[in-house]
Amino acid sequence: MSDVTIEVKENGPFLVKGDIQLVDPDGNAFDTDKPAIALCRCGASGNSPFCDGTHRKIDFKSAPKAS
């Protein structure tokens, strides 16, 4: 099992923690040398694929939890 966790933040981004490599569709790696990165889930970030906090400005609401 890897030492990577992905936390789904309510009404916010995916918080990814651990040793990961994130690549774009062309195979180019993003600089992810931080211990955690936040990936946009609302689709409105100006710094995609990373979260820039825009979800707060647009009042993004995550889908209800499955039961």
C-alpha atoms as a PDB file:
ATOM      1  CA  MET A   1       0.000   0.000   0.000  1.00  0.00           C
ATOM      2  CA  SER A   2       1.326   3.433  -0.876  1.00  0.00           C
ATOM      3  CA  ASP A   3       1.848   6.278   1.543  1.00  0.00           C
ATOM      4  CA  VAL A   4      -0.461   8.597  -0.368  1.00  0.00           C
ATOM      5  CA  THR A   5      -3.770   9.848   0.977  1.00  0.00           C
ATOM      6  CA  ILE A   6      -6.452  11.829  -0.818  1.00  0.00           C
ATOM      7  CA  GLU A   7      -8.818  13.713   1.428  1.00  0.00           C
ATOM      8  CA  VAL A   8     -12.042  15.030  -0.073  1.00  0.00           C
ATOM      9  CA  LYS A   9     -12.626  18.424   1.523  1.00  0.00           C
ATOM     10  CA  GLU A  10     -16.298  19.315   1.919  1.00  0.00           C
ATOM     11  CA  ASN A  11     -17.153  22.013  -0.617  1.00  0.00           C
ATOM     12  CA  GLY A  12     -13.458  22.275  -1.483  1.00  0.00           C
ATOM     13  CA  PRO A  13     -10.522  20.593  -3.188  1.00  0.00           C
ATOM     14  CA  PHE A  14      -8.980  17.152  -3.097  1.00  0.00           C
ATOM     15  CA  LEU A  15      -6.078  17.353  -0.621  1.00  0.00           C
ATOM     16  CA  VAL A  16      -3.348  14.937  -1.731  1.00  0.00           C
ATOM     17  CA  LYS A  17      -0.626  14.024   0.754  1.00  0.00           C
ATOM     18  CA  GLY A  18       2.393  11.849   0.115  1.00  0.00           C
ATOM     19  CA  ASP A  19       5.075  11.196  -2.465  1.00  0.00           C
ATOM     20  CA  ILE A  20       3.266  11.605  -5.784  1.00  0.00           C
ATOM     21  CA  GLN A  21       3.981  12.521  -9.360  1.00  0.00           C
ATOM     22  CA  LEU A  22       1.332  14.561 -11.155  1.00  0.00           C
ATOM     23  CA  VAL A  23       1.578  14.714 -14.953  1.00  0.00           C
ATOM     24  CA  ASP A  24      -0.369  16.600 -17.599  1.00  0.00           C
ATOM     25  CA  PRO A  25      -1.941  14.954 -20.693  1.00  0.00           C
ATOM     26  CA  ASP A  26       1.378  15.273 -22.553  1.00  0.00           C
ATOM     27  CA  GLY A  27       3.306  13.486 -19.800  1.00  0.00           C
ATOM     28  CA  ASN A  28       4.972  16.617 -18.414  1.00  0.00           C
ATOM     29  CA  ALA A  29       5.398  16.505 -14.640  1.00  0.00           C
ATOM     30  CA  PHE A  30       4.131  19.315 -12.432  1.00  0.00           C
ATOM     31  CA  ASP A  31       6.375  20.558  -9.624  1.00  0.00           C
ATOM     32  CA  THR A  32       4.906  18.784  -6.588  1.00  0.00           C
ATOM     33  CA  ASP A  33       7.793  18.921  -4.116  1.00  0.00           C
ATOM     34  CA  LYS A  34       5.468  19.972  -1.274  1.00  0.00           C
ATOM     35  CA  PRO A  35       4.216  17.508   1.366  1.00  0.00           C
ATOM     36  CA  ALA A  36       0.617  18.160   0.218  1.00  0.00           C
ATOM     37  CA  ILE A  37      -1.148  19.633  -2.799  1.00  0.00           C
ATOM     38  CA  ALA A  38      -4.747  20.741  -3.266  1.00  0.00           C
ATOM     39  CA  LEU A  39      -6.368  19.768  -6.560  1.00  0.00           C
ATOM     40  CA  CYS A  40      -9.304  21.772  -7.888  1.00  0.00           C
ATOM     41  CA  ARG A  41     -12.678  20.072  -7.778  1.00  0.00           C
ATOM     42  CA  CYS A  42     -14.938  22.982  -8.742  1.00  0.00           C
ATOM     43  CA  GLY A  43     -13.454  23.494 -12.214  1.00  0.00           C
ATOM     44  CA  ALA A  44     -13.070  27.259 -11.811  1.00  0.00           C
ATOM     45  CA  SER A  45      -9.459  27.562 -10.589  1.00  0.00           C
ATOM     46  CA  GLY A  46      -7.234  29.990 -12.441  1.00  0.00           C
ATOM     47  CA  ASN A  47      -4.302  27.720 -11.558  1.00  0.00           C
ATOM     48  CA  SER A  48      -5.708  24.392 -12.751  1.00  0.00           C
ATOM     49  CA  PRO A  49      -5.214  21.589 -11.843  1.00  0.00           C
ATOM     50  CA  PHE A  50      -4.360  23.160  -8.485  1.00  0.00           C
ATOM     51  CA  CYS A  51      -6.892  24.808  -6.178  1.00  0.00           C
ATOM     52  CA  ASP A  52      -6.634  28.587  -5.866  1.00  0.00           C
ATOM     53  CA  GLY A  53      -9.579  29.089  -3.509  1.00  0.00           C
ATOM     54  CA  THR A  54     -12.073  30.073  -6.219  1.00  0.00           C
ATOM     55  CA  HIS A  55     -14.515  27.466  -4.884  1.00  0.00           C
ATOM     56  CA  ARG A  56     -15.259  29.876  -2.028  1.00  0.00           C
ATOM     57  CA  LYS A  57     -15.984  32.768  -4.419  1.00  0.00           C
ATOM     58  CA  ILE A  58     -18.387  30.729  -6.552  1.00  0.00           C
ATOM     59  CA  ASP A  59     -19.984  29.000  -3.548  1.00  0.00           C
ATOM     60  CA  PHE A  60     -19.088  25.514  -4.808  1.00  0.00           C
ATOM     61  CA  LYS A  61     -21.053  22.752  -3.112  1.00  0.00           C
ATOM     62  CA  SER A  62     -19.862  19.162  -3.219  1.00  0.00           C
ATOM     63  CA  ALA A  63     -22.255  16.350  -3.995  1.00  0.00           C
ATOM     64  CA  PRO A  64     -24.081  14.826  -1.049  1.00  0.00           C
ATOM     65  CA  LYS A  65     -22.405  11.837   0.559  1.00  0.00           C
ATOM     66  CA  ALA A  66     -23.525   8.448  -0.708  1.00  0.00           C
ATOM     67  CA  SER A  67     -25.433   6.378   1.802  1.00  0.00           C
END
